[in-house]
Amino acid sequence: MKSSSHCGRAGLLAAALLSTLLPLPARSQAASAPAHGAHSTHAAGMMEGQGEGEVRKIDRAGKKLTLKHGEISGMDMPPMTMVFAVKEAALLDRFKVGDQVRFKVQQVGASLLVTELLPARR
């Protein structure tokens, strides 16, 4: 019988991360998402990326933002809809549901954090 402990641990870690970060409908889409890519920044376990997307929900009190985004460069994350924590609630003040945005995100441990949020270029 083959040992699947390496694959099993990686799969469990990925499932645990996704279950805490994604709304229920988006979880199945993200199940095959790579953990990280060759262009990631690895400083003290931190990866950084940037992308563009559409604001789907804003939770100012919880400092959370739901984005339907394209690929996040630097993290090899495919397009999907997911919830992000934001570094500062003030980042959300200039936006409403439906706005197109550019953003920068950092992954520290199991958390994804939007550190910059700007209107998309037109």
N, C-alpha and C. Protein backbone atom coordinates (compact mmCIF):
# COMPACT_ATOMS: atom_id res chain seq x y z
N MET A 1 0.84 -1.18 0.00
CA MET A 1 0.00 0.00 0.00
C MET A 1 0.88 1.24 0.00
N LYS A 2 0.60 2.22 -0.87
CA LYS A 2 1.39 3.44 -0.97
C LYS A 2 1.05 4.39 0.17
N SER A 3 2.05 5.12 0.63
CA SER A 3 1.82 6.13 1.66
C SER A 3 1.42 7.43 0.98
N SER A 4 0.36 8.03 1.44
CA SER A 4 -0.10 9.29 0.85
C SER A 4 -0.03 10.41 1.87
N SER A 5 0.86 10.28 2.86
CA SER A 5 0.90 11.28 3.93
C SER A 5 1.29 12.66 3.42
N HIS A 6 2.24 12.74 2.44
CA HIS A 6 2.64 14.05 1.93
C HIS A 6 1.48 14.72 1.20
N CYS A 7 0.88 14.00 0.27
CA CYS A 7 -0.26 14.54 -0.47
C CYS A 7 -1.44 14.79 0.45
N GLY A 8 -1.63 13.88 1.39
CA GLY A 8 -2.75 14.03 2.32
C GLY A 8 -2.62 15.27 3.16
N ARG A 9 -1.42 15.52 3.69
CA ARG A 9 -1.21 16.72 4.51
C ARG A 9 -1.39 17.98 3.70
N ALA A 10 -0.84 18.01 2.50
CA ALA A 10 -0.97 19.20 1.65
C ALA A 10 -2.44 19.44 1.30
N GLY A 11 -3.16 18.37 1.00
CA GLY A 11 -4.57 18.51 0.66
C GLY A 11 -5.39 18.99 1.85
N LEU A 12 -5.10 18.46 3.03
CA LEU A 12 -5.82 18.89 4.23
C LEU A 12 -5.53 20.35 4.54
N LEU A 13 -4.27 20.77 4.39
CA LEU A 13 -3.91 22.15 4.64
C LEU A 13 -4.63 23.07 3.66
N ALA A 14 -4.63 22.70 2.39
CA ALA A 14 -5.31 23.52 1.39
C ALA A 14 -6.81 23.59 1.67
N ALA A 15 -7.42 22.47 2.02
CA ALA A 15 -8.85 22.46 2.31
C ALA A 15 -9.16 23.31 3.53
N ALA A 16 -8.31 23.24 4.56
CA ALA A 16 -8.55 24.05 5.76
C ALA A 16 -8.44 25.53 5.45
N LEU A 17 -7.44 25.91 4.66
CA LEU A 17 -7.26 27.31 4.28
C LEU A 17 -8.46 27.79 3.48
N LEU A 18 -8.86 27.04 2.48
CA LEU A 18 -9.97 27.45 1.64
C LEU A 18 -11.28 27.51 2.40
N SER A 19 -11.49 26.60 3.33
CA SER A 19 -12.76 26.60 4.06
C SER A 19 -12.91 27.83 4.95
N THR A 20 -11.80 28.44 5.35
CA THR A 20 -11.90 29.63 6.19
C THR A 20 -11.95 30.91 5.38
N LEU A 21 -11.51 30.86 4.12
CA LEU A 21 -11.40 32.09 3.34
C LEU A 21 -12.48 32.27 2.28
N LEU A 22 -13.09 31.19 1.83
CA LEU A 22 -13.99 31.29 0.69
C LEU A 22 -15.44 31.13 1.08
N PRO A 23 -16.32 31.88 0.43
CA PRO A 23 -17.74 31.63 0.63
C PRO A 23 -18.07 30.25 0.05
N LEU A 24 -19.10 29.61 0.53
CA LEU A 24 -19.42 28.24 0.17
C LEU A 24 -19.46 27.99 -1.33
N PRO A 25 -20.14 28.81 -2.18
CA PRO A 25 -20.19 28.51 -3.61
C PRO A 25 -18.83 28.55 -4.29
N ALA A 26 -17.89 29.36 -3.81
CA ALA A 26 -16.59 29.49 -4.47
C ALA A 26 -15.63 28.38 -4.08
N ARG A 27 -15.90 27.66 -3.01
CA ARG A 27 -14.96 26.64 -2.53
C ARG A 27 -14.70 25.57 -3.56
N SER A 28 -15.71 25.10 -4.26
CA SER A 28 -15.51 24.03 -5.22
C SER A 28 -14.66 24.50 -6.39
N GLN A 29 -14.79 25.77 -6.78
CA GLN A 29 -13.98 26.30 -7.88
C GLN A 29 -12.51 26.37 -7.49
N ALA A 30 -12.22 26.65 -6.24
CA ALA A 30 -10.86 26.88 -5.81
C ALA A 30 -10.14 25.62 -5.36
N ALA A 31 -10.81 24.50 -5.34
CA ALA A 31 -10.21 23.29 -4.81
C ALA A 31 -8.96 22.88 -5.57
N SER A 32 -8.88 23.24 -6.86
CA SER A 32 -7.72 22.85 -7.64
C SER A 32 -6.69 23.97 -7.75
N ALA A 33 -6.87 25.06 -7.00
CA ALA A 33 -5.95 26.19 -7.07
C ALA A 33 -4.58 25.80 -6.53
N PRO A 34 -3.51 26.16 -7.26
CA PRO A 34 -2.16 25.89 -6.76
C PRO A 34 -1.91 26.67 -5.47
N ALA A 35 -1.07 26.14 -4.62
CA ALA A 35 -0.78 26.79 -3.35
C ALA A 35 0.01 28.07 -3.54
N HIS A 36 0.98 28.08 -4.43
CA HIS A 36 1.77 29.27 -4.70
C HIS A 36 2.57 29.07 -5.97
N GLY A 37 3.17 30.15 -6.48
CA GLY A 37 3.87 30.05 -7.74
C GLY A 37 5.32 30.45 -7.66
N ALA A 38 5.99 30.33 -8.78
CA ALA A 38 7.42 30.58 -8.84
C ALA A 38 7.77 32.05 -8.63
N HIS A 39 6.81 32.95 -8.84
CA HIS A 39 7.08 34.38 -8.72
C HIS A 39 6.65 34.95 -7.38
N SER A 40 6.42 34.12 -6.42
CA SER A 40 5.95 34.57 -5.11
C SER A 40 7.10 35.14 -4.29
N THR A 41 6.75 36.06 -3.40
CA THR A 41 7.72 36.60 -2.46
C THR A 41 7.65 35.76 -1.20
N HIS A 42 8.78 35.19 -0.76
CA HIS A 42 8.81 34.34 0.43
C HIS A 42 9.67 34.99 1.48
N ALA A 43 9.16 35.97 2.17
CA ALA A 43 9.88 36.59 3.27
C ALA A 43 9.13 36.26 4.54
N ALA A 44 9.71 35.47 5.38
CA ALA A 44 9.09 35.06 6.64
C ALA A 44 7.72 34.42 6.38
N GLY A 45 7.64 33.57 5.34
CA GLY A 45 6.39 32.86 5.05
C GLY A 45 5.34 33.72 4.39
N MET A 46 5.71 34.87 3.83
CA MET A 46 4.74 35.78 3.25
C MET A 46 4.82 35.74 1.73
N MET A 47 3.67 35.67 1.08
CA MET A 47 3.59 35.77 -0.37
C MET A 47 2.80 37.03 -0.69
N GLU A 48 3.13 37.65 -1.83
CA GLU A 48 2.43 38.85 -2.25
C GLU A 48 1.98 38.69 -3.69
N GLY A 49 0.87 39.32 -4.02
CA GLY A 49 0.38 39.29 -5.37
C GLY A 49 -0.47 40.51 -5.64
N GLN A 50 -0.89 40.62 -6.90
CA GLN A 50 -1.77 41.72 -7.27
C GLN A 50 -2.73 41.25 -8.34
N GLY A 51 -3.87 41.91 -8.39
CA GLY A 51 -4.87 41.52 -9.36
C GLY A 51 -5.91 42.60 -9.57
N GLU A 52 -6.90 42.25 -10.38
CA GLU A 52 -8.02 43.14 -10.64
C GLU A 52 -9.30 42.35 -10.46
N GLY A 53 -10.35 43.05 -10.08
CA GLY A 53 -11.61 42.35 -9.89
C GLY A 53 -12.77 43.29 -9.69
N GLU A 54 -13.92 42.69 -9.37
CA GLU A 54 -15.14 43.43 -9.13
C GLU A 54 -15.56 43.24 -7.68
N VAL A 55 -15.93 44.34 -7.04
CA VAL A 55 -16.40 44.29 -5.65
C VAL A 55 -17.78 43.64 -5.64
N ARG A 56 -17.92 42.56 -4.87
CA ARG A 56 -19.18 41.86 -4.75
C ARG A 56 -19.87 42.12 -3.42
N LYS A 57 -19.09 42.36 -2.36
CA LYS A 57 -19.66 42.62 -1.04
C LYS A 57 -18.63 43.37 -0.21
N ILE A 58 -19.11 44.29 0.63
CA ILE A 58 -18.24 45.05 1.52
C ILE A 58 -18.77 44.88 2.94
N ASP A 59 -17.89 44.48 3.84
CA ASP A 59 -18.22 44.34 5.27
C ASP A 59 -17.28 45.26 6.03
N ARG A 60 -17.68 46.53 6.16
CA ARG A 60 -16.81 47.52 6.81
C ARG A 60 -16.55 47.16 8.28
N ALA A 61 -17.58 46.74 8.98
CA ALA A 61 -17.43 46.41 10.40
C ALA A 61 -16.47 45.23 10.60
N GLY A 62 -16.53 44.26 9.72
CA GLY A 62 -15.67 43.09 9.82
C GLY A 62 -14.35 43.24 9.09
N LYS A 63 -14.15 44.40 8.43
CA LYS A 63 -12.95 44.66 7.63
C LYS A 63 -12.71 43.54 6.63
N LYS A 64 -13.80 43.23 5.84
CA LYS A 64 -13.72 42.18 4.83
C LYS A 64 -14.29 42.68 3.51
N LEU A 65 -13.79 42.08 2.44
CA LEU A 65 -14.16 42.48 1.09
C LEU A 65 -14.30 41.21 0.25
N THR A 66 -15.42 41.07 -0.45
CA THR A 66 -15.60 39.94 -1.36
C THR A 66 -15.34 40.45 -2.77
N LEU A 67 -14.41 39.80 -3.45
CA LEU A 67 -14.04 40.18 -4.81
C LEU A 67 -14.22 39.01 -5.76
N LYS A 68 -14.75 39.30 -6.94
CA LYS A 68 -14.70 38.36 -8.06
C LYS A 68 -13.49 38.82 -8.86
N HIS A 69 -12.40 38.06 -8.75
CA HIS A 69 -11.14 38.54 -9.32
C HIS A 69 -10.63 37.64 -10.43
N GLY A 70 -9.77 38.23 -11.24
CA GLY A 70 -9.03 37.47 -12.25
C GLY A 70 -7.85 36.80 -11.56
N GLU A 71 -6.94 36.28 -12.36
CA GLU A 71 -5.74 35.64 -11.80
C GLU A 71 -4.98 36.64 -10.94
N ILE A 72 -4.49 36.19 -9.80
CA ILE A 72 -3.66 37.02 -8.94
C ILE A 72 -2.21 36.69 -9.25
N SER A 73 -1.52 37.63 -9.92
CA SER A 73 -0.13 37.40 -10.28
C SER A 73 0.72 37.37 -9.03
N GLY A 74 1.78 36.61 -9.08
CA GLY A 74 2.67 36.48 -7.94
C GLY A 74 2.24 35.40 -6.97
N MET A 75 1.01 34.89 -7.13
CA MET A 75 0.52 33.84 -6.25
C MET A 75 -0.01 32.66 -7.07
N ASP A 76 -0.04 32.79 -8.39
CA ASP A 76 -0.60 31.77 -9.27
C ASP A 76 -1.99 31.34 -8.81
N MET A 77 -2.80 32.31 -8.40
CA MET A 77 -4.17 32.02 -7.97
C MET A 77 -5.09 32.27 -9.15
N PRO A 78 -5.88 31.27 -9.53
CA PRO A 78 -6.77 31.43 -10.68
C PRO A 78 -7.95 32.33 -10.36
N PRO A 79 -8.69 32.75 -11.39
CA PRO A 79 -9.88 33.58 -11.16
C PRO A 79 -10.90 32.85 -10.31
N MET A 80 -11.52 33.59 -9.39
CA MET A 80 -12.57 33.06 -8.51
C MET A 80 -13.19 34.21 -7.74
N THR A 81 -14.21 33.90 -6.97
CA THR A 81 -14.82 34.86 -6.05
C THR A 81 -14.46 34.41 -4.64
N MET A 82 -13.91 35.35 -3.85
CA MET A 82 -13.52 34.99 -2.49
C MET A 82 -13.52 36.21 -1.58
N VAL A 83 -13.48 35.93 -0.29
CA VAL A 83 -13.47 36.96 0.74
C VAL A 83 -12.03 37.22 1.17
N PHE A 84 -11.69 38.49 1.29
CA PHE A 84 -10.37 38.92 1.76
C PHE A 84 -10.55 39.78 3.00
N ALA A 85 -9.63 39.68 3.92
CA ALA A 85 -9.54 40.66 5.00
C ALA A 85 -8.85 41.89 4.41
N VAL A 86 -9.11 43.07 4.97
CA VAL A 86 -8.43 44.27 4.52
C VAL A 86 -7.57 44.81 5.65
N LYS A 87 -6.44 45.37 5.28
CA LYS A 87 -5.49 45.87 6.27
C LYS A 87 -6.10 46.98 7.10
N GLU A 88 -6.82 47.88 6.43
CA GLU A 88 -7.44 49.02 7.11
C GLU A 88 -8.86 49.20 6.57
N ALA A 89 -9.82 49.37 7.46
CA ALA A 89 -11.21 49.56 7.04
C ALA A 89 -11.36 50.77 6.13
N ALA A 90 -10.50 51.77 6.30
CA ALA A 90 -10.56 52.98 5.48
C ALA A 90 -10.38 52.68 3.99
N LEU A 91 -9.73 51.56 3.65
CA LEU A 91 -9.57 51.18 2.24
C LEU A 91 -10.91 50.98 1.56
N LEU A 92 -11.93 50.63 2.33
CA LEU A 92 -13.24 50.31 1.78
C LEU A 92 -14.12 51.54 1.56
N ASP A 93 -13.77 52.67 2.15
CA ASP A 93 -14.63 53.85 2.14
C ASP A 93 -14.91 54.42 0.76
N ARG A 94 -14.02 54.23 -0.19
CA ARG A 94 -14.19 54.83 -1.52
C ARG A 94 -14.90 53.93 -2.52
N PHE A 95 -15.34 52.74 -2.08
CA PHE A 95 -15.87 51.77 -3.03
C PHE A 95 -17.27 51.31 -2.67
N LYS A 96 -17.96 50.81 -3.71
CA LYS A 96 -19.30 50.24 -3.52
C LYS A 96 -19.38 48.95 -4.34
N VAL A 97 -20.39 48.14 -4.06
CA VAL A 97 -20.59 46.90 -4.80
C VAL A 97 -20.72 47.22 -6.29
N GLY A 98 -20.02 46.46 -7.11
CA GLY A 98 -20.04 46.65 -8.56
C GLY A 98 -18.82 47.39 -9.09
N ASP A 99 -18.08 48.08 -8.22
CA ASP A 99 -16.88 48.81 -8.66
C ASP A 99 -15.80 47.84 -9.13
N GLN A 100 -15.07 48.26 -10.17
CA GLN A 100 -13.91 47.52 -10.66
C GLN A 100 -12.68 48.07 -9.93
N VAL A 101 -11.85 47.17 -9.41
CA VAL A 101 -10.72 47.60 -8.58
C VAL A 101 -9.44 46.86 -8.98
N ARG A 102 -8.32 47.47 -8.60
CA ARG A 102 -7.00 46.83 -8.62
C ARG A 102 -6.62 46.65 -7.15
N PHE A 103 -5.93 45.59 -6.84
CA PHE A 103 -5.59 45.36 -5.44
C PHE A 103 -4.27 44.64 -5.30
N LYS A 104 -3.66 44.82 -4.13
CA LYS A 104 -2.48 44.06 -3.74
C LYS A 104 -2.87 43.24 -2.52
N VAL A 105 -2.36 42.03 -2.47
CA VAL A 105 -2.72 41.11 -1.39
C VAL A 105 -1.46 40.42 -0.87
N GLN A 106 -1.45 40.17 0.42
CA GLN A 106 -0.37 39.43 1.06
C GLN A 106 -0.95 38.20 1.72
N GLN A 107 -0.24 37.09 1.62
CA GLN A 107 -0.62 35.89 2.36
C GLN A 107 0.41 35.71 3.46
N VAL A 108 -0.07 35.73 4.69
CA VAL A 108 0.77 35.51 5.85
C VAL A 108 0.16 34.34 6.60
N GLY A 109 0.85 33.22 6.62
CA GLY A 109 0.27 32.03 7.22
C GLY A 109 -0.95 31.62 6.45
N ALA A 110 -2.08 31.50 7.12
CA ALA A 110 -3.33 31.07 6.47
C ALA A 110 -4.23 32.25 6.11
N SER A 111 -3.75 33.49 6.25
CA SER A 111 -4.58 34.67 6.00
C SER A 111 -4.18 35.38 4.71
N LEU A 112 -5.19 35.84 3.97
CA LEU A 112 -4.98 36.70 2.81
C LEU A 112 -5.47 38.08 3.18
N LEU A 113 -4.61 39.08 2.99
CA LEU A 113 -4.89 40.44 3.45
C LEU A 113 -4.70 41.41 2.30
N VAL A 114 -5.76 42.18 1.97
CA VAL A 114 -5.65 43.23 0.96
C VAL A 114 -4.96 44.41 1.61
N THR A 115 -3.83 44.82 1.03
CA THR A 115 -3.04 45.92 1.58
C THR A 115 -3.18 47.20 0.79
N GLU A 116 -3.69 47.09 -0.45
CA GLU A 116 -3.88 48.27 -1.29
C GLU A 116 -5.10 48.01 -2.16
N LEU A 117 -5.96 49.03 -2.30
CA LEU A 117 -7.17 48.92 -3.09
C LEU A 117 -7.37 50.23 -3.84
N LEU A 118 -7.39 50.13 -5.17
CA LEU A 118 -7.50 51.31 -6.03
C LEU A 118 -8.55 51.07 -7.11
N PRO A 119 -9.12 52.16 -7.66
CA PRO A 119 -10.02 51.98 -8.79
C PRO A 119 -9.26 51.37 -9.96
N ALA A 120 -9.92 50.51 -10.73
CA ALA A 120 -9.29 49.90 -11.90
C ALA A 120 -9.02 50.98 -12.95
N ARG A 121 -7.96 50.77 -13.70
CA ARG A 121 -7.64 51.71 -14.80
C ARG A 121 -8.68 51.54 -15.89
N ARG A 122 -9.04 52.64 -16.49
CA ARG A 122 -10.02 52.58 -17.59
C ARG A 122 -9.41 52.99 -18.87
